[in-house]
């Protein structure tokens, strides 16, 4: 419905779901000229108003074009195979590897993905798993080291 708003309108979308924000950013380029999209989330003292055009500007067009493909591949609530990967990690990989932004944009725009796009999506997923497992391994390693550090390092005092 937002795409049919009059140019120059301000649209407020109320939702607690991050997926709605991702989709708003992905579809922002389809809004009428000079349309402002604000997402209202939270409740009570924790209510926030998120400036969608500001996020779109920070992400840039290549990442925003990839968001629908990203959402379909790993980001939507019904894609349970990617629990705990987090959208931040995915955005980091997209921003660091423009190739994947192009691939996910292709995934979003094609009804039948080519075998090349599927292979590239598999590589993208492997990168996500590799980054997450490397982080978890480092975290476990640091936690095990924490127990053997000298007490003066833990307290902050000098040797």
C-alpha atoms as a PDB file:
ATOM      1  CA  UNK A   1       0.000   0.000   0.000  1.00  0.00           C
ATOM      2  CA  UNK A   2       2.860   2.360   0.725  1.00  0.00           C
ATOM      3  CA  UNK A   3       3.933   2.368  -2.947  1.00  0.00           C
ATOM      4  CA  UNK A   4       0.622   4.016  -3.863  1.00  0.00           C
ATOM      5  CA  UNK A   5       1.120   6.958  -1.486  1.00  0.00           C
ATOM      6  CA  UNK A   6       1.175  10.497  -2.865  1.00  0.00           C
ATOM      7  CA  UNK A   7       4.655  11.884  -3.586  1.00  0.00           C
ATOM      8  CA  UNK A   8       5.991  13.752  -0.581  1.00  0.00           C
ATOM      9  CA  UNK A   9       3.987  11.681   1.924  1.00  0.00           C
ATOM     10  CA  UNK A  10       5.270  10.421   5.230  1.00  0.00           C
ATOM     11  CA  UNK A  11       4.450   6.766   5.813  1.00  0.00           C
ATOM     12  CA  UNK A  12       4.600   5.292   9.311  1.00  0.00           C
ATOM     13  CA  UNK A  13       4.823   1.517   9.506  1.00  0.00           C
ATOM     14  CA  UNK A  14       4.307   0.018  12.945  1.00  0.00           C
ATOM     15  CA  UNK A  15       5.930  -3.362  13.601  1.00  0.00           C
ATOM     16  CA  UNK A  16       8.154  -5.049  16.180  1.00  0.00           C
ATOM     17  CA  UNK A  17       9.671  -7.295  13.485  1.00  0.00           C
ATOM     18  CA  UNK A  18      13.141  -6.686  12.039  1.00  0.00           C
ATOM     19  CA  UNK A  19      12.032  -8.489   8.875  1.00  0.00           C
ATOM     20  CA  UNK A  20       9.607  -5.633   8.190  1.00  0.00           C
ATOM     21  CA  UNK A  21      12.478  -3.141   8.441  1.00  0.00           C
ATOM     22  CA  UNK A  22      14.576  -5.231   6.038  1.00  0.00           C
ATOM     23  CA  UNK A  23      11.707  -5.349   3.554  1.00  0.00           C
ATOM     24  CA  UNK A  24      11.093  -1.596   3.902  1.00  0.00           C
ATOM     25  CA  UNK A  25      14.745  -0.933   3.041  1.00  0.00           C
ATOM     26  CA  UNK A  26      14.600  -3.355   0.117  1.00  0.00           C
ATOM     27  CA  UNK A  27      11.481  -1.749  -1.321  1.00  0.00           C
ATOM     28  CA  UNK A  28      12.284   1.897  -0.559  1.00  0.00           C
ATOM     29  CA  UNK A  29      13.319   2.555  -4.169  1.00  0.00           C
ATOM     30  CA  UNK A  30       9.761   1.710  -5.298  1.00  0.00           C
ATOM     31  CA  UNK A  31       8.197   4.458  -3.185  1.00  0.00           C
ATOM     32  CA  UNK A  32       6.943   7.668  -4.808  1.00  0.00           C
ATOM     33  CA  UNK A  33       9.405  10.549  -5.026  1.00  0.00           C
ATOM     34  CA  UNK A  34      10.156  12.409  -1.773  1.00  0.00           C
ATOM     35  CA  UNK A  35       8.282   9.833   0.310  1.00  0.00           C
ATOM     36  CA  UNK A  36       9.550   9.372   3.851  1.00  0.00           C
ATOM     37  CA  UNK A  37       9.161   5.988   5.526  1.00  0.00           C
ATOM     38  CA  UNK A  38       9.330   5.811   9.307  1.00  0.00           C
ATOM     39  CA  UNK A  39       9.131   2.515  11.170  1.00  0.00           C
ATOM     40  CA  UNK A  40       7.586   2.666  14.619  1.00  0.00           C
ATOM     41  CA  UNK A  41       8.702  -0.174  16.870  1.00  0.00           C
ATOM     42  CA  UNK A  42       8.793  -0.998  20.567  1.00  0.00           C
ATOM     43  CA  UNK A  43       6.295   0.054  23.203  1.00  0.00           C
ATOM     44  CA  UNK A  44       5.997   2.382  26.167  1.00  0.00           C
ATOM     45  CA  UNK A  45       9.342   3.893  27.183  1.00  0.00           C
ATOM     46  CA  UNK A  46      11.059   1.696  24.597  1.00  0.00           C
ATOM     47  CA  UNK A  47       9.203   3.065  21.552  1.00  0.00           C
ATOM     48  CA  UNK A  48      11.526   4.037  18.707  1.00  0.00           C
ATOM     49  CA  UNK A  49      11.045   5.664  15.341  1.00  0.00           C
ATOM     50  CA  UNK A  50      13.462   4.397  12.723  1.00  0.00           C
ATOM     51  CA  UNK A  51      14.352   6.565   9.730  1.00  0.00           C
ATOM     52  CA  UNK A  52      14.212   4.066   6.852  1.00  0.00           C
ATOM     53  CA  UNK A  53      15.644   6.472   4.213  1.00  0.00           C
ATOM     54  CA  UNK A  54      18.612   7.075   6.536  1.00  0.00           C
ATOM     55  CA  UNK A  55      19.314   3.342   6.744  1.00  0.00           C
ATOM     56  CA  UNK A  56      18.883   2.974   2.981  1.00  0.00           C
ATOM     57  CA  UNK A  57      21.379   5.782   2.466  1.00  0.00           C
ATOM     58  CA  UNK A  58      23.926   4.151   4.801  1.00  0.00           C
ATOM     59  CA  UNK A  59      23.551   0.695   3.233  1.00  0.00           C
ATOM     60  CA  UNK A  60      23.742   1.944  -0.328  1.00  0.00           C
ATOM     61  CA  UNK A  61      21.888   0.766  -3.408  1.00  0.00           C
ATOM     62  CA  UNK A  62      23.827  -2.473  -3.992  1.00  0.00           C
ATOM     63  CA  UNK A  63      23.123  -3.841  -0.493  1.00  0.00           C
ATOM     64  CA  UNK A  64      19.487  -2.647  -0.567  1.00  0.00           C
ATOM     65  CA  UNK A  65      18.984  -4.394  -3.916  1.00  0.00           C
ATOM     66  CA  UNK A  66      20.340  -7.592  -2.329  1.00  0.00           C
ATOM     67  CA  UNK A  67      18.049  -7.482   0.700  1.00  0.00           C
ATOM     68  CA  UNK A  68      15.115  -9.353  -0.862  1.00  0.00           C
ATOM     69  CA  UNK A  69      17.395 -12.179  -1.988  1.00  0.00           C
ATOM     70  CA  UNK A  70      19.097 -12.211   1.413  1.00  0.00           C
ATOM     71  CA  UNK A  71      15.731 -12.275   3.135  1.00  0.00           C
ATOM     72  CA  UNK A  72      14.487 -15.157   0.995  1.00  0.00           C
ATOM     73  CA  UNK A  73      17.702 -17.145   1.387  1.00  0.00           C
ATOM     74  CA  UNK A  74      18.480 -16.770   5.074  1.00  0.00           C
ATOM     75  CA  UNK A  75      16.646 -13.930   6.724  1.00  0.00           C
ATOM     76  CA  UNK A  76      12.953 -14.693   6.931  1.00  0.00           C
ATOM     77  CA  UNK A  77      11.318 -16.233   9.993  1.00  0.00           C
ATOM     78  CA  UNK A  78      10.423 -19.402   8.109  1.00  0.00           C
ATOM     79  CA  UNK A  79      14.048 -20.163   7.139  1.00  0.00           C
ATOM     80  CA  UNK A  80      14.920 -22.033  10.309  1.00  0.00           C
ATOM     81  CA  UNK A  81      18.162 -23.542   8.994  1.00  0.00           C
ATOM     82  CA  UNK A  82      19.956 -20.261   9.659  1.00  0.00           C
ATOM     83  CA  UNK A  83      18.972 -19.622  13.249  1.00  0.00           C
ATOM     84  CA  UNK A  84      21.506 -17.492  15.147  1.00  0.00           C
ATOM     85  CA  UNK A  85      23.329 -16.197  12.072  1.00  0.00           C
ATOM     86  CA  UNK A  86      21.902 -12.737  12.574  1.00  0.00           C
ATOM     87  CA  UNK A  87      21.196 -10.052  10.033  1.00  0.00           C
ATOM     88  CA  UNK A  88      24.202  -7.985  11.181  1.00  0.00           C
ATOM     89  CA  UNK A  89      26.621 -10.743  10.188  1.00  0.00           C
ATOM     90  CA  UNK A  90      24.910 -11.106   6.826  1.00  0.00           C
ATOM     91  CA  UNK A  91      25.063  -7.361   6.177  1.00  0.00           C
ATOM     92  CA  UNK A  92      28.754  -7.348   7.092  1.00  0.00           C
ATOM     93  CA  UNK A  93      29.460 -10.101   4.562  1.00  0.00           C
ATOM     94  CA  UNK A  94      27.408  -8.255   1.914  1.00  0.00           C
ATOM     95  CA  UNK A  95      29.244  -4.991   2.509  1.00  0.00           C
ATOM     96  CA  UNK A  96      32.670  -6.637   2.456  1.00  0.00           C
ATOM     97  CA  UNK A  97      31.955  -8.754  -0.640  1.00  0.00           C
ATOM     98  CA  UNK A  98      30.103  -6.796  -3.357  1.00  0.00           C
ATOM     99  CA  UNK A  99      29.975  -9.992  -5.438  1.00  0.00           C
ATOM    100  CA  UNK A 100      27.440 -11.445  -2.998  1.00  0.00           C
ATOM    101  CA  UNK A 101      25.265  -8.329  -3.128  1.00  0.00           C
ATOM    102  CA  UNK A 102      25.022  -8.744  -6.911  1.00  0.00           C
ATOM    103  CA  UNK A 103      24.228 -12.459  -6.562  1.00  0.00           C
ATOM    104  CA  UNK A 104      21.497 -11.926  -3.967  1.00  0.00           C
ATOM    105  CA  UNK A 105      19.985  -9.149  -6.096  1.00  0.00           C
ATOM    106  CA  UNK A 106      19.892 -11.645  -8.993  1.00  0.00           C
ATOM    107  CA  UNK A 107      18.277 -14.208  -6.712  1.00  0.00           C
ATOM    108  CA  UNK A 108      15.565 -11.706  -5.795  1.00  0.00           C
ATOM    109  CA  UNK A 109      14.819 -10.789  -9.398  1.00  0.00           C
ATOM    110  CA  UNK A 110      14.705 -14.249 -10.978  1.00  0.00           C
ATOM    111  CA  UNK A 111      11.940 -16.810 -10.692  1.00  0.00           C
ATOM    112  CA  UNK A 112      14.331 -19.611 -11.672  1.00  0.00           C
ATOM    113  CA  UNK A 113      17.863 -19.096 -10.399  1.00  0.00           C
ATOM    114  CA  UNK A 114      20.666 -20.235 -12.676  1.00  0.00           C
ATOM    115  CA  UNK A 115      23.080 -22.926 -11.535  1.00  0.00           C
ATOM    116  CA  UNK A 116      25.763 -20.202 -11.227  1.00  0.00           C
ATOM    117  CA  UNK A 117      23.577 -18.137  -8.882  1.00  0.00           C
ATOM    118  CA  UNK A 118      22.808 -21.236  -6.808  1.00  0.00           C
ATOM    119  CA  UNK A 119      26.529 -22.109  -6.579  1.00  0.00           C
ATOM    120  CA  UNK A 120      27.348 -18.531  -5.560  1.00  0.00           C
ATOM    121  CA  UNK A 121      24.583 -18.621  -2.915  1.00  0.00           C
ATOM    122  CA  UNK A 122      26.122 -21.813  -1.559  1.00  0.00           C
ATOM    123  CA  UNK A 123      29.481 -20.032  -1.317  1.00  0.00           C
ATOM    124  CA  UNK A 124      27.793 -17.134   0.497  1.00  0.00           C
ATOM    125  CA  UNK A 125      26.195 -19.521   3.004  1.00  0.00           C
ATOM    126  CA  UNK A 126      29.535 -21.273   3.565  1.00  0.00           C
ATOM    127  CA  UNK A 127      31.169 -17.906   4.287  1.00  0.00           C
ATOM    128  CA  UNK A 128      28.498 -17.126   6.866  1.00  0.00           C
ATOM    129  CA  UNK A 129      28.986 -20.460   8.597  1.00  0.00           C
ATOM    130  CA  UNK A 130      32.765 -20.079   8.500  1.00  0.00           C
ATOM    131  CA  UNK A 131      32.647 -16.601  10.043  1.00  0.00           C
ATOM    132  CA  UNK A 132      30.231 -17.678  12.755  1.00  0.00           C
ATOM    133  CA  UNK A 133      32.160 -20.835  13.636  1.00  0.00           C
ATOM    134  CA  UNK A 134      35.461 -18.885  13.714  1.00  0.00           C
ATOM    135  CA  UNK A 135      33.902 -16.355  16.074  1.00  0.00           C
ATOM    136  CA  UNK A 136      32.477 -19.050  18.356  1.00  0.00           C
ATOM    137  CA  UNK A 137      35.827 -20.893  18.411  1.00  0.00           C
ATOM    138  CA  UNK A 138      37.616 -17.651  19.359  1.00  0.00           C
ATOM    139  CA  UNK A 139      35.050 -16.939  22.066  1.00  0.00           C
ATOM    140  CA  UNK A 140      35.481 -20.417  23.594  1.00  0.00           C
ATOM    141  CA  UNK A 141      39.268 -20.035  23.417  1.00  0.00           C
ATOM    142  CA  UNK A 142      39.171 -16.636  25.126  1.00  0.00           C
ATOM    143  CA  UNK A 143      36.830 -17.941  27.813  1.00  0.00           C
ATOM    144  CA  UNK A 144      39.200 -20.832  28.556  1.00  0.00           C
ATOM    145  CA  UNK A 145      42.145 -18.401  28.721  1.00  0.00           C
ATOM    146  CA  UNK A 146      40.209 -16.143  31.086  1.00  0.00           C
ATOM    147  CA  UNK A 147      40.540 -18.743  33.846  1.00  0.00           C
ATOM    148  CA  UNK A 148      44.353 -18.945  33.610  1.00  0.00           C
ATOM    149  CA  UNK A 149      45.184 -15.241  33.412  1.00  0.00           C
ATOM    150  CA  UNK A 150      47.113 -13.806  36.369  1.00  0.00           C
ATOM    151  CA  UNK A 151      44.770 -12.192  38.872  1.00  0.00           C
ATOM    152  CA  UNK A 152      46.549  -8.832  38.588  1.00  0.00           C
ATOM    153  CA  UNK A 153      45.520  -8.669  34.897  1.00  0.00           C
ATOM    154  CA  UNK A 154      41.931  -9.418  35.828  1.00  0.00           C
ATOM    155  CA  UNK A 155      41.856  -6.733  38.493  1.00  0.00           C
ATOM    156  CA  UNK A 156      43.631  -4.133  36.361  1.00  0.00           C
ATOM    157  CA  UNK A 157      46.528  -3.603  38.798  1.00  0.00           C
ATOM    158  CA  UNK A 158      50.136  -3.370  37.621  1.00  0.00           C
ATOM    159  CA  UNK A 159      52.742  -6.131  38.084  1.00  0.00           C
END
